[in-house]
Amino acid sequence: MCSAEPINCFPVLVNILSNSFLRLFNSTARIRVWSEPFYSTQSPEVKRDIFFICLCYLLVLAAGLPPHFAVSSMEDYKVKSMH
């Protein structure tokens, strides 16, 4: 009924329990549960946009981190603190 991976098994378990409770109370409604843990896009434009957003973020991060460590080291040098 479900695979051994918990990411796939939990929605199936929730579906079985929910539908059993509905049947217990004589309801004709059914609950459908599905799992899609990773958002998938079919459009190459969206994939390209996501790639460029991530690339820009990483470039800003890569440009900002080294000066942060350098300033921190200079402040330690001025105060003459030791690690």
PDB file of N, CA and C in Angstrom:
ATOM      1  N   MET A   1       0.813  -1.195   0.000  1.00  0.00           N
ATOM      2  CA  MET A   1       0.000   0.000   0.000  1.00  0.00           C
ATOM      3  C   MET A   1       0.855   1.257   0.000  1.00  0.00           C
ATOM      4  N   CYS A   2       1.973   1.254   0.704  1.00  0.00           N
ATOM      5  CA  CYS A   2       2.884   2.403   0.646  1.00  0.00           C
ATOM      6  C   CYS A   2       4.310   1.887   0.742  1.00  0.00           C
ATOM      7  N   SER A   3       5.222   2.697   0.259  1.00  0.00           N
ATOM      8  CA  SER A   3       6.627   2.277   0.273  1.00  0.00           C
ATOM      9  C   SER A   3       7.202   2.453   1.674  1.00  0.00           C
ATOM     10  N   ALA A   4       8.437   2.022   1.841  1.00  0.00           N
ATOM     11  CA  ALA A   4       9.066   2.066   3.158  1.00  0.00           C
ATOM     12  C   ALA A   4       9.536   3.466   3.533  1.00  0.00           C
ATOM     13  N   GLU A   5       9.545   4.391   2.581  1.00  0.00           N
ATOM     14  CA  GLU A   5       9.997   5.745   2.884  1.00  0.00           C
ATOM     15  C   GLU A   5       8.902   6.505   3.638  1.00  0.00           C
ATOM     16  N   PRO A   6       9.256   7.155   4.743  1.00  0.00           N
ATOM     17  CA  PRO A   6       8.240   7.844   5.535  1.00  0.00           C
ATOM     18  C   PRO A   6       7.592   9.015   4.794  1.00  0.00           C
ATOM     19  N   ILE A   7       8.314   9.625   3.872  1.00  0.00           N
ATOM     20  CA  ILE A   7       7.747  10.775   3.157  1.00  0.00           C
ATOM     21  C   ILE A   7       6.575  10.346   2.281  1.00  0.00           C
ATOM     22  N   ASN A   8       6.563   9.084   1.852  1.00  0.00           N
ATOM     23  CA  ASN A   8       5.452   8.585   1.043  1.00  0.00           C
ATOM     24  C   ASN A   8       4.407   7.884   1.897  1.00  0.00           C
ATOM     25  N   CYS A   9       4.811   7.309   3.003  1.00  0.00           N
ATOM     26  CA  CYS A   9       3.912   6.493   3.805  1.00  0.00           C
ATOM     27  C   CYS A   9       2.955   7.337   4.646  1.00  0.00           C
ATOM     28  N   PHE A  10       3.379   8.465   5.149  1.00  0.00           N
ATOM     29  CA  PHE A  10       2.539   9.270   6.027  1.00  0.00           C
ATOM     30  C   PHE A  10       1.272   9.775   5.336  1.00  0.00           C
ATOM     31  N   PRO A  11       1.339  10.334   4.131  1.00  0.00           N
ATOM     32  CA  PRO A  11       0.081  10.753   3.492  1.00  0.00           C
ATOM     33  C   PRO A  11      -0.885   9.602   3.236  1.00  0.00           C
ATOM     34  N   VAL A  12      -0.358   8.430   2.921  1.00  0.00           N
ATOM     35  CA  VAL A  12      -1.230   7.275   2.702  1.00  0.00           C
ATOM     36  C   VAL A  12      -1.904   6.874   4.009  1.00  0.00           C
ATOM     37  N   LEU A  13      -1.154   6.890   5.094  1.00  0.00           N
ATOM     38  CA  LEU A  13      -1.714   6.566   6.410  1.00  0.00           C
ATOM     39  C   LEU A  13      -2.797   7.566   6.803  1.00  0.00           C
ATOM     40  N   VAL A  14      -2.546   8.850   6.572  1.00  0.00           N
ATOM     41  CA  VAL A  14      -3.537   9.874   6.881  1.00  0.00           C
ATOM     42  C   VAL A  14      -4.789   9.659   6.044  1.00  0.00           C
ATOM     43  N   ASN A  15      -4.631   9.309   4.796  1.00  0.00           N
ATOM     44  CA  ASN A  15      -5.770   9.058   3.918  1.00  0.00           C
ATOM     45  C   ASN A  15      -6.599   7.875   4.409  1.00  0.00           C
ATOM     46  N   ILE A  16      -5.934   6.791   4.774  1.00  0.00           N
ATOM     47  CA  ILE A  16      -6.643   5.595   5.253  1.00  0.00           C
ATOM     48  C   ILE A  16      -7.417   5.910   6.537  1.00  0.00           C
ATOM     49  N   LEU A  17      -6.755   6.588   7.485  1.00  0.00           N
ATOM     50  CA  LEU A  17      -7.423   6.915   8.750  1.00  0.00           C
ATOM     51  C   LEU A  17      -8.594   7.880   8.543  1.00  0.00           C
ATOM     52  N   SER A  18      -8.396   8.888   7.718  1.00  0.00           N
ATOM     53  CA  SER A  18      -9.457   9.866   7.494  1.00  0.00           C
ATOM     54  C   SER A  18     -10.673   9.215   6.849  1.00  0.00           C
ATOM     55  N   ASN A  19     -10.450   8.406   5.847  1.00  0.00           N
ATOM     56  CA  ASN A  19     -11.567   7.756   5.176  1.00  0.00           C
ATOM     57  C   ASN A  19     -12.247   6.729   6.074  1.00  0.00           C
ATOM     58  N   SER A  20     -11.479   6.066   6.946  1.00  0.00           N
ATOM     59  CA  SER A  20     -12.113   5.120   7.872  1.00  0.00           C
ATOM     60  C   SER A  20     -13.008   5.849   8.860  1.00  0.00           C
ATOM     61  N   PHE A  21     -12.551   7.013   9.366  1.00  0.00           N
ATOM     62  CA  PHE A  21     -13.406   7.780  10.273  1.00  0.00           C
ATOM     63  C   PHE A  21     -14.652   8.288   9.561  1.00  0.00           C
ATOM     64  N   LEU A  22     -14.508   8.681   8.308  1.00  0.00           N
ATOM     65  CA  LEU A  22     -15.685   9.134   7.560  1.00  0.00           C
ATOM     66  C   LEU A  22     -16.689   7.994   7.375  1.00  0.00           C
ATOM     67  N   ARG A  23     -16.196   6.807   7.071  1.00  0.00           N
ATOM     68  CA  ARG A  23     -17.095   5.659   6.910  1.00  0.00           C
ATOM     69  C   ARG A  23     -17.748   5.303   8.238  1.00  0.00           C
ATOM     70  N   LEU A  24     -17.004   5.475   9.324  1.00  0.00           N
ATOM     71  CA  LEU A  24     -17.524   5.167  10.652  1.00  0.00           C
ATOM     72  C   LEU A  24     -18.743   6.031  10.965  1.00  0.00           C
ATOM     73  N   PHE A  25     -18.730   7.284  10.503  1.00  0.00           N
ATOM     74  CA  PHE A  25     -19.830   8.204  10.760  1.00  0.00           C
ATOM     75  C   PHE A  25     -20.835   8.239   9.613  1.00  0.00           C
ATOM     76  N   ASN A  26     -20.833   7.193   8.764  1.00  0.00           N
ATOM     77  CA  ASN A  26     -21.792   7.031   7.663  1.00  0.00           C
ATOM     78  C   ASN A  26     -21.783   8.207   6.681  1.00  0.00           C
ATOM     79  N   SER A  27     -20.617   8.704   6.375  1.00  0.00           N
ATOM     80  CA  SER A  27     -20.509   9.804   5.417  1.00  0.00           C
ATOM     81  C   SER A  27     -20.195   9.240   4.037  1.00  0.00           C
ATOM     82  N   THR A  28     -20.678   9.926   3.017  1.00  0.00           N
ATOM     83  CA  THR A  28     -20.376   9.488   1.648  1.00  0.00           C
ATOM     84  C   THR A  28     -19.172  10.242   1.086  1.00  0.00           C
ATOM     85  N   ALA A  29     -18.700  11.240   1.807  1.00  0.00           N
ATOM     86  CA  ALA A  29     -17.555  12.021   1.329  1.00  0.00           C
ATOM     87  C   ALA A  29     -16.267  11.229   1.506  1.00  0.00           C
ATOM     88  N   ARG A  30     -15.303  11.528   0.703  1.00  0.00           N
ATOM     89  CA  ARG A  30     -13.985  10.896   0.801  1.00  0.00           C
ATOM     90  C   ARG A  30     -12.912  11.975   0.788  1.00  0.00           C
ATOM     91  N   ILE A  31     -11.824  11.734   1.492  1.00  0.00           N
ATOM     92  CA  ILE A  31     -10.691  12.656   1.517  1.00  0.00           C
ATOM     93  C   ILE A  31      -9.578  12.075   0.663  1.00  0.00           C
ATOM     94  N   ARG A  32      -9.032  12.903  -0.192  1.00  0.00           N
ATOM     95  CA  ARG A  32      -7.921  12.474  -1.043  1.00  0.00           C
ATOM     96  C   ARG A  32      -6.654  13.179  -0.585  1.00  0.00           C
ATOM     97  N   VAL A  33      -5.594  12.434  -0.363  1.00  0.00           N
ATOM     98  CA  VAL A  33      -4.324  12.984   0.102  1.00  0.00           C
ATOM     99  C   VAL A  33      -3.251  12.612  -0.893  1.00  0.00           C
ATOM    100  N   TRP A  34      -2.394  13.575  -1.215  1.00  0.00           N
ATOM    101  CA  TRP A  34      -1.272  13.272  -2.101  1.00  0.00           C
ATOM    102  C   TRP A  34      -0.038  13.969  -1.578  1.00  0.00           C
ATOM    103  N   SER A  35       1.086  13.463  -1.994  1.00  0.00           N
ATOM    104  CA  SER A  35       2.359  14.004  -1.534  1.00  0.00           C
ATOM    105  C   SER A  35       3.231  14.339  -2.729  1.00  0.00           C
ATOM    106  N   GLU A  36       3.672  15.576  -2.761  1.00  0.00           N
ATOM    107  CA  GLU A  36       4.650  15.987  -3.759  1.00  0.00           C
ATOM    108  C   GLU A  36       5.697  16.816  -3.029  1.00  0.00           C
ATOM    109  N   PRO A  37       6.728  16.165  -2.462  1.00  0.00           N
ATOM    110  CA  PRO A  37       7.653  16.872  -1.586  1.00  0.00           C
ATOM    111  C   PRO A  37       8.496  17.923  -2.295  1.00  0.00           C
ATOM    112  N   PHE A  38       8.752  17.754  -3.570  1.00  0.00           N
ATOM    113  CA  PHE A  38       9.568  18.712  -4.302  1.00  0.00           C
ATOM    114  C   PHE A  38       8.725  19.337  -5.394  1.00  0.00           C
ATOM    115  N   TYR A  39       8.682  20.657  -5.394  1.00  0.00           N
ATOM    116  CA  TYR A  39       7.894  21.365  -6.377  1.00  0.00           C
ATOM    117  C   TYR A  39       8.520  21.148  -7.749  1.00  0.00           C
ATOM    118  N   SER A  40       7.748  20.635  -8.662  1.00  0.00           N
ATOM    119  CA  SER A  40       8.289  20.374  -9.996  1.00  0.00           C
ATOM    120  C   SER A  40       7.642  21.311 -11.006  1.00  0.00           C
ATOM    121  N   THR A  41       8.468  21.866 -11.855  1.00  0.00           N
ATOM    122  CA  THR A  41       7.954  22.743 -12.898  1.00  0.00           C
ATOM    123  C   THR A  41       8.298  22.145 -14.247  1.00  0.00           C
ATOM    124  N   GLN A  42       7.399  22.317 -15.163  1.00  0.00           N
ATOM    125  CA  GLN A  42       7.623  21.816 -16.507  1.00  0.00           C
ATOM    126  C   GLN A  42       8.175  22.914 -17.407  1.00  0.00           C
ATOM    127  N   SER A  43       7.987  24.148 -17.013  1.00  0.00           N
ATOM    128  CA  SER A  43       8.368  25.275 -17.849  1.00  0.00           C
ATOM    129  C   SER A  43       9.864  25.564 -17.718  1.00  0.00           C
ATOM    130  N   PRO A  44      10.606  25.588 -18.817  1.00  0.00           N
ATOM    131  CA  PRO A  44      12.037  25.897 -18.731  1.00  0.00           C
ATOM    132  C   PRO A  44      12.292  27.345 -18.311  1.00  0.00           C
ATOM    133  N   GLU A  45      11.345  28.249 -18.609  1.00  0.00           N
ATOM    134  CA  GLU A  45      11.537  29.649 -18.218  1.00  0.00           C
ATOM    135  C   GLU A  45      11.536  29.791 -16.698  1.00  0.00           C
ATOM    136  N   VAL A  46      10.648  29.053 -16.037  1.00  0.00           N
ATOM    137  CA  VAL A  46      10.583  29.125 -14.573  1.00  0.00           C
ATOM    138  C   VAL A  46      11.846  28.528 -13.970  1.00  0.00           C
ATOM    139  N   LYS A  47      12.312  27.416 -14.522  1.00  0.00           N
ATOM    140  CA  LYS A  47      13.549  26.806 -14.032  1.00  0.00           C
ATOM    141  C   LYS A  47      14.730  27.757 -14.201  1.00  0.00           C
ATOM    142  N   ARG A  48      14.772  28.444 -15.337  1.00  0.00           N
ATOM    143  CA  ARG A  48      15.859  29.390 -15.594  1.00  0.00           C
ATOM    144  C   ARG A  48      15.783  30.551 -14.624  1.00  0.00           C
ATOM    145  N   ASP A  49      14.574  31.065 -14.363  1.00  0.00           N
ATOM    146  CA  ASP A  49      14.421  32.173 -13.423  1.00  0.00           C
ATOM    147  C   ASP A  49      14.839  31.770 -12.018  1.00  0.00           C
ATOM    148  N   ILE A  50      14.449  30.592 -11.592  1.00  0.00           N
ATOM    149  CA  ILE A  50      14.841  30.104 -10.263  1.00  0.00           C
ATOM    150  C   ILE A  50      16.354  29.947 -10.180  1.00  0.00           C
ATOM    151  N   PHE A  51      16.970  29.450 -11.254  1.00  0.00           N
ATOM    152  CA  PHE A  51      18.417  29.293 -11.276  1.00  0.00           C
ATOM    153  C   PHE A  51      19.114  30.644 -11.126  1.00  0.00           C
ATOM    154  N   PHE A  52      18.654  31.664 -11.853  1.00  0.00           N
ATOM    155  CA  PHE A  52      19.305  32.973 -11.795  1.00  0.00           C
ATOM    156  C   PHE A  52      19.075  33.661 -10.458  1.00  0.00           C
ATOM    157  N   ILE A  53      17.926  33.447  -9.850  1.00  0.00           N
ATOM    158  CA  ILE A  53      17.686  34.008  -8.518  1.00  0.00           C
ATOM    159  C   ILE A  53      18.637  33.381  -7.509  1.00  0.00           C
ATOM    160  N   CYS A  54      18.787  32.062  -7.571  1.00  0.00           N
ATOM    161  CA  CYS A  54      19.713  31.371  -6.658  1.00  0.00           C
ATOM    162  C   CYS A  54      21.153  31.788  -6.921  1.00  0.00           C
ATOM    163  N   LEU A  55      21.510  31.947  -8.189  1.00  0.00           N
ATOM    164  CA  LEU A  55      22.866  32.366  -8.542  1.00  0.00           C
ATOM    165  C   LEU A  55      23.161  33.759  -8.003  1.00  0.00           C
ATOM    166  N   CYS A  56      22.225  34.689  -8.168  1.00  0.00           N
ATOM    167  CA  CYS A  56      22.421  36.050  -7.653  1.00  0.00           C
ATOM    168  C   CYS A  56      22.558  36.042  -6.135  1.00  0.00           C
ATOM    169  N   TYR A  57      21.731  35.245  -5.478  1.00  0.00           N
ATOM    170  CA  TYR A  57      21.807  35.158  -4.023  1.00  0.00           C
ATOM    171  C   TYR A  57      23.171  34.640  -3.578  1.00  0.00           C
ATOM    172  N   LEU A  58      23.661  33.604  -4.237  1.00  0.00           N
ATOM    173  CA  LEU A  58      24.964  33.042  -3.871  1.00  0.00           C
ATOM    174  C   LEU A  58      26.095  34.010  -4.165  1.00  0.00           C
ATOM    175  N   LEU A  59      25.982  34.770  -5.239  1.00  0.00           N
ATOM    176  CA  LEU A  59      27.024  35.748  -5.553  1.00  0.00           C
ATOM    177  C   LEU A  59      27.070  36.862  -4.503  1.00  0.00           C
ATOM    178  N   VAL A  60      25.915  37.329  -4.069  1.00  0.00           N
ATOM    179  CA  VAL A  60      25.882  38.348  -3.025  1.00  0.00           C
ATOM    180  C   VAL A  60      26.439  37.775  -1.724  1.00  0.00           C
ATOM    181  N   LEU A  61      26.081  36.550  -1.425  1.00  0.00           N
ATOM    182  CA  LEU A  61      26.579  35.902  -0.219  1.00  0.00           C
ATOM    183  C   LEU A  61      28.093  35.718  -0.284  1.00  0.00           C
ATOM    184  N   ALA A  62      28.584  35.278  -1.431  1.00  0.00           N
ATOM    185  CA  ALA A  62      30.027  35.061  -1.588  1.00  0.00           C
ATOM    186  C   ALA A  62      30.793  36.373  -1.536  1.00  0.00           C
ATOM    187  N   ALA A  63      30.185  37.458  -1.993  1.00  0.00           N
ATOM    188  CA  ALA A  63      30.863  38.755  -1.957  1.00  0.00           C
ATOM    189  C   ALA A  63      30.824  39.369  -0.564  1.00  0.00           C
ATOM    190  N   GLY A  64      29.842  39.029   0.240  1.00  0.00           N
ATOM    191  CA  GLY A  64      29.681  39.665   1.537  1.00  0.00           C
ATOM    192  C   GLY A  64      30.338  38.954   2.696  1.00  0.00           C
ATOM    193  N   LEU A  65      30.555  37.661   2.584  1.00  0.00           N
ATOM    194  CA  LEU A  65      31.113  36.926   3.721  1.00  0.00           C
ATOM    195  C   LEU A  65      32.592  37.189   3.988  1.00  0.00           C
ATOM    196  N   PRO A  66      33.474  37.164   2.999  1.00  0.00           N
ATOM    197  CA  PRO A  66      34.898  37.397   3.304  1.00  0.00           C
ATOM    198  C   PRO A  66      35.179  38.736   3.992  1.00  0.00           C
ATOM    199  N   PRO A  67      34.566  39.857   3.565  1.00  0.00           N
ATOM    200  CA  PRO A  67      34.809  41.098   4.306  1.00  0.00           C
ATOM    201  C   PRO A  67      34.331  41.024   5.758  1.00  0.00           C
ATOM    202  N   HIS A  68      33.280  40.295   6.000  1.00  0.00           N
ATOM    203  CA  HIS A  68      32.782  40.149   7.365  1.00  0.00           C
ATOM    204  C   HIS A  68      33.842  39.490   8.247  1.00  0.00           C
ATOM    205  N   PHE A  69      34.466  38.439   7.747  1.00  0.00           N
ATOM    206  CA  PHE A  69      35.501  37.770   8.531  1.00  0.00           C
ATOM    207  C   PHE A  69      36.735  38.647   8.675  1.00  0.00           C
ATOM    208  N   ALA A  70      37.064  39.401   7.627  1.00  0.00           N
ATOM    209  CA  ALA A  70      38.235  40.280   7.699  1.00  0.00           C
ATOM    210  C   ALA A  70      38.019  41.386   8.728  1.00  0.00           C
ATOM    211  N   VAL A  71      36.839  41.989   8.743  1.00  0.00           N
ATOM    212  CA  VAL A  71      36.547  43.054   9.713  1.00  0.00           C
ATOM    213  C   VAL A  71      36.566  42.485  11.115  1.00  0.00           C
ATOM    214  N   SER A  72      36.030  41.294  11.282  1.00  0.00           N
ATOM    215  CA  SER A  72      36.034  40.663  12.597  1.00  0.00           C
ATOM    216  C   SER A  72      37.464  40.415  13.082  1.00  0.00           C
ATOM    217  N   SER A  73      38.332  39.964  12.184  1.00  0.00           N
ATOM    218  CA  SER A  73      39.723  39.712  12.565  1.00  0.00           C
ATOM    219  C   SER A  73      40.443  41.007  12.900  1.00  0.00           C
ATOM    220  N   MET A  74      40.158  42.072  12.171  1.00  0.00           N
ATOM    221  CA  MET A  74      40.805  43.358  12.452  1.00  0.00           C
ATOM    222  C   MET A  74      40.360  43.911  13.804  1.00  0.00           C
ATOM    223  N   GLU A  75      39.078  43.739  14.125  1.00  0.00           N
ATOM    224  CA  GLU A  75      38.597  44.194  15.432  1.00  0.00           C
ATOM    225  C   GLU A  75      39.266  43.412  16.545  1.00  0.00           C
ATOM    226  N   ASP A  76      39.443  42.112  16.346  1.00  0.00           N
ATOM    227  CA  ASP A  76      40.138  41.291  17.344  1.00  0.00           C
ATOM    228  C   ASP A  76      41.589  41.741  17.487  1.00  0.00           C
ATOM    229  N   TYR A  77      42.202  42.121  16.383  1.00  0.00           N
ATOM    230  CA  TYR A  77      43.602  42.561  16.414  1.00  0.00           C
ATOM    231  C   TYR A  77      43.716  43.889  17.169  1.00  0.00           C
ATOM    232  N   LYS A  78      42.765  44.792  16.940  1.00  0.00           N
ATOM    233  CA  LYS A  78      42.808  46.100  17.610  1.00  0.00           C
ATOM    234  C   LYS A  78      42.603  45.963  19.112  1.00  0.00           C
ATOM    235  N   VAL A  79      41.722  45.065  19.502  1.00  0.00           N
ATOM    236  CA  VAL A  79      41.423  44.882  20.916  1.00  0.00           C
ATOM    237  C   VAL A  79      42.472  43.979  21.572  1.00  0.00           C
ATOM    238  N   LYS A  80      43.258  43.304  20.748  1.00  0.00           N
ATOM    239  CA  LYS A  80      44.275  42.338  21.173  1.00  0.00           C
ATOM    240  C   LYS A  80      43.667  41.170  21.925  1.00  0.00           C
ATOM    241  N   SER A  81      42.564  40.668  21.338  1.00  0.00           N
ATOM    242  CA  SER A  81      41.926  39.512  21.953  1.00  0.00           C
ATOM    243  C   SER A  81      42.490  38.236  21.327  1.00  0.00           C
ATOM    244  N   MET A  82      42.443  37.161  22.097  1.00  0.00           N
ATOM    245  CA  MET A  82      42.927  35.871  21.614  1.00  0.00           C
ATOM    246  C   MET A  82      41.784  34.890  21.646  1.00  0.00           C
ATOM    247  N   HIS A  83      41.789  33.976  20.702  1.00  0.00           N
ATOM    248  CA  HIS A  83      40.723  32.966  20.644  1.00  0.00           C
ATOM    249  C   HIS A  83      40.995  31.878  21.648  1.00  0.00           C
TER     250      HIS A  83
END
